[in-house]
């Protein structure tokens, strides 16, 4: 069996690249100007060691991003010498981008759309609730799917806010809705049951990988464990939240 039959599933932000520049890093994402014909300006950087690793891996294996980024945000990912054209799982699994064309899979849209429709109203209710009860200290927004309905909710606050008594109380108001809630840095991600990286990975496997699980999966946050555990091997960057949790557990 050719090695190209195997694939690697990887988170992006915090795993492949970050906002901070380090010596030897290469640009990984670009500000909106590059989409509008303006001068390209990097917005995230891939450390040199990770670039060296993945520029070699991409020659042997399919690299498939698994990200919370929506389609528009994902379109600003461009890493020289690492073509990410073998498909992608975006919007936390609500959108599958087809290998080659890198356009949304219409069959997956048709499958997930009716499920998302049932959650459109509850998600809007949660946006209103977070706005009202936070007194403006939280900025919630709905993340798009490739259907008429939102994929999930993300709410931004100041660093550490979600672990304060006020933040924890606000999170408590979301519990009755029955969504999965994850703290990702300054953000709170609120995912309805039809949405999740493991769901997206499973669907991608079925459609584009002959049902084969990833050979390797990479992530940086505990929330990534859902799809990491689907792979034959899993890894996390040293110093990431997930790696520190693994070290602490050992």
Protein backbone atom coordinates (compact mmCIF):
# COMPACT_ATOMS: atom_id res chain seq x y z
CA UNK A 1 0.00 0.00 0.00
CA UNK A 2 1.33 3.44 -0.95
CA UNK A 3 2.10 5.80 1.93
CA UNK A 4 -0.10 8.38 0.15
CA UNK A 5 -3.06 6.16 0.99
CA UNK A 6 -2.48 7.14 4.63
CA UNK A 7 -3.39 10.53 6.00
CA UNK A 8 -2.55 12.87 8.85
CA UNK A 9 -5.28 14.89 10.60
CA UNK A 10 -4.04 18.07 12.24
CA UNK A 11 -5.44 21.02 14.12
CA UNK A 12 -4.09 24.37 12.91
CA UNK A 13 -4.02 27.27 15.41
CA UNK A 14 -1.73 26.43 18.32
CA UNK A 15 -0.64 23.18 16.68
CA UNK A 16 0.87 24.06 13.31
CA UNK A 17 1.18 27.81 13.81
CA UNK A 18 0.72 30.69 16.25
CA UNK A 19 0.37 34.48 16.27
CA UNK A 20 3.88 35.01 17.63
CA UNK A 21 6.90 35.13 15.35
CA UNK A 22 10.00 33.11 16.23
CA UNK A 23 13.30 33.14 14.40
CA UNK A 24 13.14 30.86 11.37
CA UNK A 25 9.33 30.79 11.28
CA UNK A 26 7.46 30.97 7.97
CA UNK A 27 4.15 32.74 7.28
CA UNK A 28 1.11 30.49 7.66
CA UNK A 29 -1.98 32.71 7.55
CA UNK A 30 -2.59 36.04 5.89
CA UNK A 31 -4.68 39.08 6.73
CA UNK A 32 -7.85 39.82 4.80
CA UNK A 33 -6.03 42.15 2.42
CA UNK A 34 -4.61 39.18 0.54
CA UNK A 35 -8.17 38.11 -0.29
CA UNK A 36 -9.05 41.59 -1.55
CA UNK A 37 -6.09 42.10 -3.83
CA UNK A 38 -4.06 44.12 -1.35
CA UNK A 39 -0.45 43.52 -0.34
CA UNK A 40 -0.11 40.18 1.50
CA UNK A 41 0.65 40.51 5.20
CA UNK A 42 1.22 37.49 7.49
CA UNK A 43 -1.02 37.08 10.54
CA UNK A 44 0.29 33.75 11.90
CA UNK A 45 3.61 31.94 11.78
CA UNK A 46 4.72 28.33 11.56
CA UNK A 47 7.86 27.63 13.65
CA UNK A 48 10.85 26.43 11.66
CA UNK A 49 10.96 22.96 13.21
CA UNK A 50 7.28 22.31 12.45
CA UNK A 51 7.76 23.62 8.91
CA UNK A 52 10.70 21.26 8.38
CA UNK A 53 8.68 18.32 9.69
CA UNK A 54 5.54 18.96 7.63
CA UNK A 55 7.33 19.93 4.43
CA UNK A 56 8.73 16.38 4.55
CA UNK A 57 5.52 14.67 5.65
CA UNK A 58 3.47 16.26 2.88
CA UNK A 59 5.64 14.46 0.33
CA UNK A 60 4.64 11.09 1.77
CA UNK A 61 1.22 11.53 3.39
CA UNK A 62 -2.04 13.36 2.84
CA UNK A 63 -2.29 16.28 5.30
CA UNK A 64 -5.88 17.13 6.27
CA UNK A 65 -6.53 20.15 8.53
CA UNK A 66 -9.15 19.75 11.25
CA UNK A 67 -10.05 23.20 12.50
CA UNK A 68 -12.63 25.40 14.18
CA UNK A 69 -11.98 28.03 11.48
CA UNK A 70 -14.87 28.65 9.10
CA UNK A 71 -14.40 28.40 5.34
CA UNK A 72 -13.57 32.10 4.90
CA UNK A 73 -11.00 32.05 7.69
CA UNK A 74 -9.51 28.80 6.43
CA UNK A 75 -9.06 30.34 2.96
CA UNK A 76 -6.44 32.65 4.49
CA UNK A 77 -4.22 29.68 5.40
CA UNK A 78 -1.33 29.41 2.95
CA UNK A 79 2.04 27.87 3.80
CA UNK A 80 4.72 27.92 1.11
CA UNK A 81 5.85 24.40 0.08
CA UNK A 82 3.08 22.77 2.12
CA UNK A 83 0.09 22.53 -0.23
CA UNK A 84 -3.03 21.78 1.79
CA UNK A 85 -5.18 20.54 -1.08
CA UNK A 86 -6.15 17.04 0.09
CA UNK A 87 -9.36 18.18 1.74
CA UNK A 88 -10.11 19.78 5.10
CA UNK A 89 -12.54 19.57 8.00
CA UNK A 90 -13.57 23.11 8.98
CA UNK A 91 -16.09 24.87 11.22
CA UNK A 92 -15.50 22.13 13.81
CA UNK A 93 -16.69 19.47 11.37
CA UNK A 94 -19.76 21.29 10.04
CA UNK A 95 -18.06 21.70 6.64
CA UNK A 96 -16.04 19.16 4.67
CA UNK A 97 -13.84 20.56 1.90
CA UNK A 98 -13.39 18.14 -0.98
CA UNK A 99 -9.87 17.01 -1.94
CA UNK A 100 -8.66 18.75 -5.05
CA UNK A 101 -11.34 21.41 -5.52
CA UNK A 102 -11.27 22.39 -1.80
CA UNK A 103 -14.94 23.33 -2.03
CA UNK A 104 -17.68 22.26 0.41
CA UNK A 105 -19.02 18.74 -0.01
CA UNK A 106 -22.70 19.18 -1.06
CA UNK A 107 -23.70 15.74 0.20
CA UNK A 108 -22.37 16.55 3.67
CA UNK A 109 -24.17 19.90 3.56
CA UNK A 110 -27.39 18.06 2.76
CA UNK A 111 -26.81 15.60 5.59
CA UNK A 112 -25.86 18.07 8.32
CA UNK A 113 -28.18 20.93 7.28
CA UNK A 114 -31.44 19.53 8.74
CA UNK A 115 -29.63 18.75 12.00
CA UNK A 116 -28.26 22.28 12.25
CA UNK A 117 -31.70 23.71 11.50
CA UNK A 118 -32.96 22.32 14.81
CA UNK A 119 -30.27 24.27 16.67
CA UNK A 120 -30.53 27.64 14.92
CA UNK A 121 -33.01 29.06 17.41
CA UNK A 122 -31.28 27.76 20.57
CA UNK A 123 -27.95 29.17 19.34
CA UNK A 124 -29.55 32.57 18.76
CA UNK A 125 -31.06 32.42 22.24
CA UNK A 126 -27.63 31.75 23.72
CA UNK A 127 -26.14 34.73 21.86
CA UNK A 128 -28.83 36.99 23.35
CA UNK A 129 -28.35 35.47 26.81
CA UNK A 130 -24.56 35.95 26.79
CA UNK A 131 -24.89 39.52 25.55
CA UNK A 132 -27.47 40.46 28.18
CA UNK A 133 -26.02 38.75 31.24
CA UNK A 134 -22.38 39.72 30.58
CA UNK A 135 -23.17 43.42 30.34
CA UNK A 136 -21.07 43.68 27.20
CA UNK A 137 -18.00 41.95 28.65
CA UNK A 138 -18.52 39.01 26.31
CA UNK A 139 -18.74 39.24 22.52
CA UNK A 140 -20.66 36.25 21.10
CA UNK A 141 -21.07 35.41 17.43
CA UNK A 142 -22.40 32.55 15.34
CA UNK A 143 -19.96 30.65 13.10
CA UNK A 144 -21.22 29.80 9.62
CA UNK A 145 -21.72 26.39 8.12
CA UNK A 146 -22.23 25.95 4.36
CA UNK A 147 -25.99 25.69 4.95
CA UNK A 148 -28.50 28.43 5.81
CA UNK A 149 -27.96 27.61 9.50
CA UNK A 150 -25.10 28.41 11.91
CA UNK A 151 -22.63 25.71 12.88
CA UNK A 152 -21.83 26.78 16.44
CA UNK A 153 -21.35 29.73 18.77
CA UNK A 154 -18.10 31.35 19.88
CA UNK A 155 -17.88 33.98 22.63
CA UNK A 156 -14.76 36.08 23.23
CA UNK A 157 -13.81 37.68 26.53
CA UNK A 158 -10.65 38.87 28.28
CA UNK A 159 -7.90 36.39 29.15
CA UNK A 160 -8.93 34.23 32.10
CA UNK A 161 -12.52 35.52 32.18
CA UNK A 162 -14.15 32.13 31.72
CA UNK A 163 -12.51 30.78 34.88
CA UNK A 164 -13.63 33.70 37.08
CA UNK A 165 -16.75 33.34 39.27
CA UNK A 166 -18.62 35.60 36.87
CA UNK A 167 -17.49 33.62 33.84
CA UNK A 168 -18.34 30.29 35.47
CA UNK A 169 -21.77 31.57 36.42
CA UNK A 170 -22.37 32.68 32.85
CA UNK A 171 -21.30 29.27 31.58
CA UNK A 172 -23.81 27.74 33.97
CA UNK A 173 -26.63 29.54 32.17
CA UNK A 174 -25.70 27.63 29.01
CA UNK A 175 -25.93 24.17 30.58
CA UNK A 176 -29.71 23.66 30.05
CA UNK A 177 -29.27 23.97 26.28
CA UNK A 178 -27.41 20.64 26.12
CA UNK A 179 -24.45 21.78 24.03
CA UNK A 180 -20.79 20.89 24.51
CA UNK A 181 -18.89 23.86 25.92
CA UNK A 182 -15.12 24.21 25.65
CA UNK A 183 -12.81 26.97 26.87
CA UNK A 184 -10.17 27.71 24.22
CA UNK A 185 -8.01 30.56 25.50
CA UNK A 186 -10.10 33.73 25.46
CA UNK A 187 -12.90 31.96 23.63
CA UNK A 188 -15.78 29.83 24.73
CA UNK A 189 -16.92 27.45 22.02
CA UNK A 190 -20.50 26.20 22.28
CA UNK A 191 -21.09 23.23 19.97
CA UNK A 192 -24.53 21.68 19.39
CA UNK A 193 -24.64 17.86 19.17
CA UNK A 194 -24.45 17.66 15.33
CA UNK A 195 -21.09 19.50 15.33
CA UNK A 196 -17.66 18.32 16.44
CA UNK A 197 -14.22 17.50 15.07
CA UNK A 198 -14.70 13.73 15.65
CA UNK A 199 -17.95 13.85 13.67
CA UNK A 200 -16.20 15.63 10.82
CA UNK A 201 -13.24 13.23 10.85
CA UNK A 202 -15.57 10.22 10.75
CA UNK A 203 -17.48 11.69 7.81
CA UNK A 204 -14.24 12.52 5.98
CA UNK A 205 -12.95 8.99 6.52
CA UNK A 206 -16.13 7.53 5.07
CA UNK A 207 -16.17 9.76 2.01
CA UNK A 208 -12.52 10.21 1.08
CA UNK A 209 -10.35 7.66 2.88
CA UNK A 210 -12.12 4.35 2.22
CA UNK A 211 -13.08 4.32 5.89
CA UNK A 212 -9.44 4.38 7.04
CA UNK A 213 -8.68 6.34 10.22
CA UNK A 214 -5.79 8.85 10.27
CA UNK A 215 -2.35 7.38 10.74
CA UNK A 216 -1.44 10.36 12.95
CA UNK A 217 -3.47 13.15 14.54
CA UNK A 218 -2.14 16.35 16.11
CA UNK A 219 -3.79 18.87 18.42
CA UNK A 220 -2.98 21.29 21.20
CA UNK A 221 -6.10 21.48 23.41
CA UNK A 222 -8.04 18.91 25.49
CA UNK A 223 -11.01 19.48 23.18
CA UNK A 224 -8.92 17.93 20.37
CA UNK A 225 -8.78 14.57 22.14
CA UNK A 226 -12.06 13.55 20.52
CA UNK A 227 -10.49 13.32 17.08
CA UNK A 228 -6.95 12.52 18.21
CA UNK A 229 -8.19 9.25 19.69
CA UNK A 230 -9.50 8.19 16.29
CA UNK A 231 -5.96 7.94 14.88
CA UNK A 232 -3.34 5.22 15.16
CA UNK A 233 -0.93 7.72 16.77
CA UNK A 234 -1.55 11.08 18.48
CA UNK A 235 0.75 14.01 19.23
CA UNK A 236 0.72 17.49 20.75
CA UNK A 237 3.25 20.36 20.62
CA UNK A 238 5.50 20.63 23.67
CA UNK A 239 4.23 23.39 25.93
CA UNK A 240 0.65 23.20 24.66
CA UNK A 241 -2.26 22.87 27.07
CA UNK A 242 -2.78 19.26 26.02
CA UNK A 243 0.91 18.32 26.36
CA UNK A 244 1.09 19.88 29.81
CA UNK A 245 -1.98 17.93 30.87
CA UNK A 246 -0.39 14.70 29.63
CA UNK A 247 2.82 15.48 31.54
CA UNK A 248 0.88 16.30 34.68
CA UNK A 249 -1.08 13.06 34.43
CA UNK A 250 2.15 11.06 34.17
